[in-house]
Amino acid sequence: MKYAIYNKDTGVIESIYTGTSPGLQGDFIELGNSSTVTDDKFYVKEGVILAKPEMQLSIDKYTLSADTVDFITVSNVPDNCLITTNNTEQYTVSDVLEFSTDVIGQFKLRFECFPFIGEEVVFDAY
């Protein structure tokens, strides 16, 4: 039998457990044996497993001049979204992100905001 073990306060599925009843491992929901539920694509709300929605990010372009004047705009960013730049710098944004740089290269922005599925935007600065 499969179970989704989750945080009752946040709804985050922390793990998928296969075996006998997980009882003392925390709050859980029985999934059956052939469930396709995964912790990265689903969450729990009021005891019901729901699919995480996709973000509806919109980017205006995929290249920019590395001059700190030109910028890309990412809109439709969910409120209090955590953004990671090239796996290092992190900051929180809501609604619109304007990004500029003086560094030439490829940039990857990772957007994380529960309950949405995380998303990446990749672009080049030249």
C-alpha atoms as a PDB file:
ATOM      1  CA  MET A   1       0.000   0.000   0.000  1.00  0.00           C
ATOM      2  CA  LYS A   2       1.187   3.575  -0.718  1.00  0.00           C
ATOM      3  CA  TYR A   3       0.691   6.572   1.537  1.00  0.00           C
ATOM      4  CA  ALA A   4       1.316  10.294   1.194  1.00  0.00           C
ATOM      5  CA  ILE A   5       2.873  11.632   4.391  1.00  0.00           C
ATOM      6  CA  TYR A   6       2.198  15.368   4.634  1.00  0.00           C
ATOM      7  CA  ASN A   7       2.417  18.423   6.852  1.00  0.00           C
ATOM      8  CA  LYS A   8      -1.108  19.083   8.109  1.00  0.00           C
ATOM      9  CA  ASP A   9      -0.399  22.805   8.638  1.00  0.00           C
ATOM     10  CA  THR A  10       0.970  23.538   5.151  1.00  0.00           C
ATOM     11  CA  GLY A  11      -0.344  20.722   2.964  1.00  0.00           C
ATOM     12  CA  VAL A  12       3.143  19.920   1.679  1.00  0.00           C
ATOM     13  CA  ILE A  13       3.563  16.223   0.870  1.00  0.00           C
ATOM     14  CA  GLU A  14       6.853  15.355   2.543  1.00  0.00           C
ATOM     15  CA  SER A  15       7.214  11.812   1.227  1.00  0.00           C
ATOM     16  CA  ILE A  16       5.494   8.882  -0.423  1.00  0.00           C
ATOM     17  CA  TYR A  17       5.679   5.765   1.742  1.00  0.00           C
ATOM     18  CA  THR A  18       5.177   2.201   0.519  1.00  0.00           C
ATOM     19  CA  GLY A  19       4.503  -0.512   3.084  1.00  0.00           C
ATOM     20  CA  THR A  20       2.189  -1.124   6.003  1.00  0.00           C
ATOM     21  CA  SER A  21       0.373   1.763   7.675  1.00  0.00           C
ATOM     22  CA  PRO A  22       2.898   4.526   8.501  1.00  0.00           C
ATOM     23  CA  GLY A  23       0.960   5.379  11.699  1.00  0.00           C
ATOM     24  CA  LEU A  24       3.556   7.185  13.816  1.00  0.00           C
ATOM     25  CA  GLN A  25       5.372   8.876  10.909  1.00  0.00           C
ATOM     26  CA  GLY A  26       2.960  11.826  10.781  1.00  0.00           C
ATOM     27  CA  ASP A  27      -0.257  12.747   9.018  1.00  0.00           C
ATOM     28  CA  PHE A  28      -0.925  10.568   6.010  1.00  0.00           C
ATOM     29  CA  ILE A  29      -3.459   9.683   3.327  1.00  0.00           C
ATOM     30  CA  GLU A  30      -3.806   6.223   1.829  1.00  0.00           C
ATOM     31  CA  LEU A  31      -3.086   6.274  -1.914  1.00  0.00           C
ATOM     32  CA  GLY A  32      -3.653   2.649  -2.922  1.00  0.00           C
ATOM     33  CA  ASN A  33      -1.094   0.561  -4.756  1.00  0.00           C
ATOM     34  CA  SER A  34      -1.001   2.153  -8.207  1.00  0.00           C
ATOM     35  CA  SER A  35      -1.174   5.842  -7.336  1.00  0.00           C
ATOM     36  CA  THR A  36       0.614   8.398  -9.537  1.00  0.00           C
ATOM     37  CA  VAL A  37       0.745  10.979  -6.727  1.00  0.00           C
ATOM     38  CA  THR A  38       4.197  12.540  -6.281  1.00  0.00           C
ATOM     39  CA  ASP A  39       5.395  15.094  -3.747  1.00  0.00           C
ATOM     40  CA  ASP A  40       6.490  17.564  -6.448  1.00  0.00           C
ATOM     41  CA  LYS A  41       3.159  17.658  -8.340  1.00  0.00           C
ATOM     42  CA  PHE A  42       0.548  17.290  -5.584  1.00  0.00           C
ATOM     43  CA  TYR A  43      -0.364  18.709  -2.169  1.00  0.00           C
ATOM     44  CA  VAL A  44      -3.049  18.181   0.489  1.00  0.00           C
ATOM     45  CA  LYS A  45      -5.781  20.666   1.341  1.00  0.00           C
ATOM     46  CA  GLU A  46      -8.431  19.877   3.965  1.00  0.00           C
ATOM     47  CA  GLY A  47      -7.580  16.167   3.755  1.00  0.00           C
ATOM     48  CA  VAL A  48      -7.903  16.000  -0.049  1.00  0.00           C
ATOM     49  CA  ILE A  49      -5.013  15.418  -2.458  1.00  0.00           C
ATOM     50  CA  LEU A  50      -4.931  18.093  -5.168  1.00  0.00           C
ATOM     51  CA  ALA A  51      -2.726  18.616  -8.220  1.00  0.00           C
ATOM     52  CA  LYS A  52      -0.444  21.619  -7.879  1.00  0.00           C
ATOM     53  CA  PRO A  53      -1.363  24.324 -10.415  1.00  0.00           C
ATOM     54  CA  GLU A  54       1.162  25.469 -12.994  1.00  0.00           C
ATOM     55  CA  MET A  55       2.418  29.038 -12.818  1.00  0.00           C
ATOM     56  CA  GLN A  56       1.310  31.250 -15.676  1.00  0.00           C
ATOM     57  CA  LEU A  57       4.629  33.102 -16.014  1.00  0.00           C
ATOM     58  CA  SER A  58       5.122  35.317 -19.039  1.00  0.00           C
ATOM     59  CA  ILE A  59       8.564  36.496 -20.219  1.00  0.00           C
ATOM     60  CA  ASP A  60       8.943  39.320 -22.728  1.00  0.00           C
ATOM     61  CA  LYS A  61      12.244  38.133 -24.299  1.00  0.00           C
ATOM     62  CA  TYR A  62      14.992  35.536 -23.965  1.00  0.00           C
ATOM     63  CA  THR A  63      18.074  37.685 -24.651  1.00  0.00           C
ATOM     64  CA  LEU A  64      19.266  40.980 -23.226  1.00  0.00           C
ATOM     65  CA  SER A  65      22.302  43.225 -23.359  1.00  0.00           C
ATOM     66  CA  ALA A  66      24.650  42.804 -20.399  1.00  0.00           C
ATOM     67  CA  ASP A  67      24.709  46.543 -19.692  1.00  0.00           C
ATOM     68  CA  THR A  68      22.449  46.884 -16.585  1.00  0.00           C
ATOM     69  CA  VAL A  69      20.160  49.095 -18.696  1.00  0.00           C
ATOM     70  CA  ASP A  70      18.410  46.429 -20.771  1.00  0.00           C
ATOM     71  CA  PHE A  71      16.192  44.053 -18.795  1.00  0.00           C
ATOM     72  CA  ILE A  72      13.799  41.167 -19.182  1.00  0.00           C
ATOM     73  CA  THR A  73      10.361  41.249 -17.619  1.00  0.00           C
ATOM     74  CA  VAL A  74       8.708  38.194 -16.134  1.00  0.00           C
ATOM     75  CA  SER A  75       5.072  38.830 -15.273  1.00  0.00           C
ATOM     76  CA  ASN A  76       2.290  36.862 -13.580  1.00  0.00           C
ATOM     77  CA  VAL A  77       4.650  35.911 -10.739  1.00  0.00           C
ATOM     78  CA  PRO A  78       2.631  34.517  -7.777  1.00  0.00           C
ATOM     79  CA  ASP A  79       2.746  36.490  -4.519  1.00  0.00           C
ATOM     80  CA  ASN A  80       5.835  35.989  -2.367  1.00  0.00           C
ATOM     81  CA  CYS A  81       7.525  33.781  -4.947  1.00  0.00           C
ATOM     82  CA  LEU A  82      11.071  32.688  -4.072  1.00  0.00           C
ATOM     83  CA  ILE A  83      13.390  33.179  -7.045  1.00  0.00           C
ATOM     84  CA  THR A  84      16.833  31.608  -7.294  1.00  0.00           C
ATOM     85  CA  THR A  85      19.331  32.936  -9.852  1.00  0.00           C
ATOM     86  CA  ASN A  86      21.758  30.340 -11.282  1.00  0.00           C
ATOM     87  CA  ASN A  87      21.335  28.199  -8.142  1.00  0.00           C
ATOM     88  CA  THR A  88      22.843  30.869  -5.854  1.00  0.00           C
ATOM     89  CA  GLU A  89      21.189  34.244  -5.216  1.00  0.00           C
ATOM     90  CA  GLN A  90      17.674  34.177  -3.762  1.00  0.00           C
ATOM     91  CA  TYR A  91      15.026  36.835  -3.364  1.00  0.00           C
ATOM     92  CA  THR A  92      11.247  37.134  -3.093  1.00  0.00           C
ATOM     93  CA  VAL A  93       9.036  38.838  -5.672  1.00  0.00           C
ATOM     94  CA  SER A  94       5.312  39.301  -6.314  1.00  0.00           C
ATOM     95  CA  ASP A  95       3.620  39.979  -9.671  1.00  0.00           C
ATOM     96  CA  VAL A  96       6.499  41.296 -11.869  1.00  0.00           C
ATOM     97  CA  LEU A  97      10.246  40.660 -11.988  1.00  0.00           C
ATOM     98  CA  GLU A  98      12.543  42.947 -13.968  1.00  0.00           C
ATOM     99  CA  PHE A  99      16.020  41.463 -14.333  1.00  0.00           C
ATOM    100  CA  SER A 100      19.155  43.150 -15.656  1.00  0.00           C
ATOM    101  CA  THR A 101      22.836  42.262 -15.444  1.00  0.00           C
ATOM    102  CA  ASP A 102      26.313  43.352 -16.507  1.00  0.00           C
ATOM    103  CA  VAL A 103      27.510  39.731 -16.723  1.00  0.00           C
ATOM    104  CA  ILE A 104      27.616  37.934 -20.078  1.00  0.00           C
ATOM    105  CA  GLY A 105      26.278  34.381 -20.094  1.00  0.00           C
ATOM    106  CA  GLN A 106      23.248  32.186 -19.662  1.00  0.00           C
ATOM    107  CA  PHE A 107      20.959  32.755 -16.694  1.00  0.00           C
ATOM    108  CA  LYS A 108      18.480  30.384 -15.089  1.00  0.00           C
ATOM    109  CA  LEU A 109      15.798  31.755 -12.796  1.00  0.00           C
ATOM    110  CA  ARG A 110      13.976  29.182 -10.653  1.00  0.00           C
ATOM    111  CA  PHE A 111      10.528  30.232  -9.367  1.00  0.00           C
ATOM    112  CA  GLU A 112       9.181  28.433  -6.256  1.00  0.00           C
ATOM    113  CA  CYS A 113       5.872  29.312  -4.634  1.00  0.00           C
ATOM    114  CA  PHE A 114       3.631  26.823  -2.853  1.00  0.00           C
ATOM    115  CA  PRO A 115       1.264  25.369  -3.959  1.00  0.00           C
ATOM    116  CA  PHE A 116       2.431  25.930  -7.556  1.00  0.00           C
ATOM    117  CA  ILE A 117       4.705  23.582  -9.497  1.00  0.00           C
ATOM    118  CA  GLY A 118       8.182  25.145  -9.620  1.00  0.00           C
ATOM    119  CA  GLU A 119       9.208  26.655 -12.932  1.00  0.00           C
ATOM    120  CA  GLU A 120      12.445  27.797 -14.606  1.00  0.00           C
ATOM    121  CA  VAL A 121      13.088  30.598 -17.060  1.00  0.00           C
ATOM    122  CA  VAL A 122      16.370  30.476 -19.051  1.00  0.00           C
ATOM    123  CA  PHE A 123      17.766  33.408 -21.049  1.00  0.00           C
ATOM    124  CA  ASP A 124      21.048  34.794 -22.373  1.00  0.00           C
ATOM    125  CA  ALA A 125      22.855  38.059 -21.677  1.00  0.00           C
ATOM    126  CA  TYR A 126      25.383  39.201 -24.299  1.00  0.00           C
END
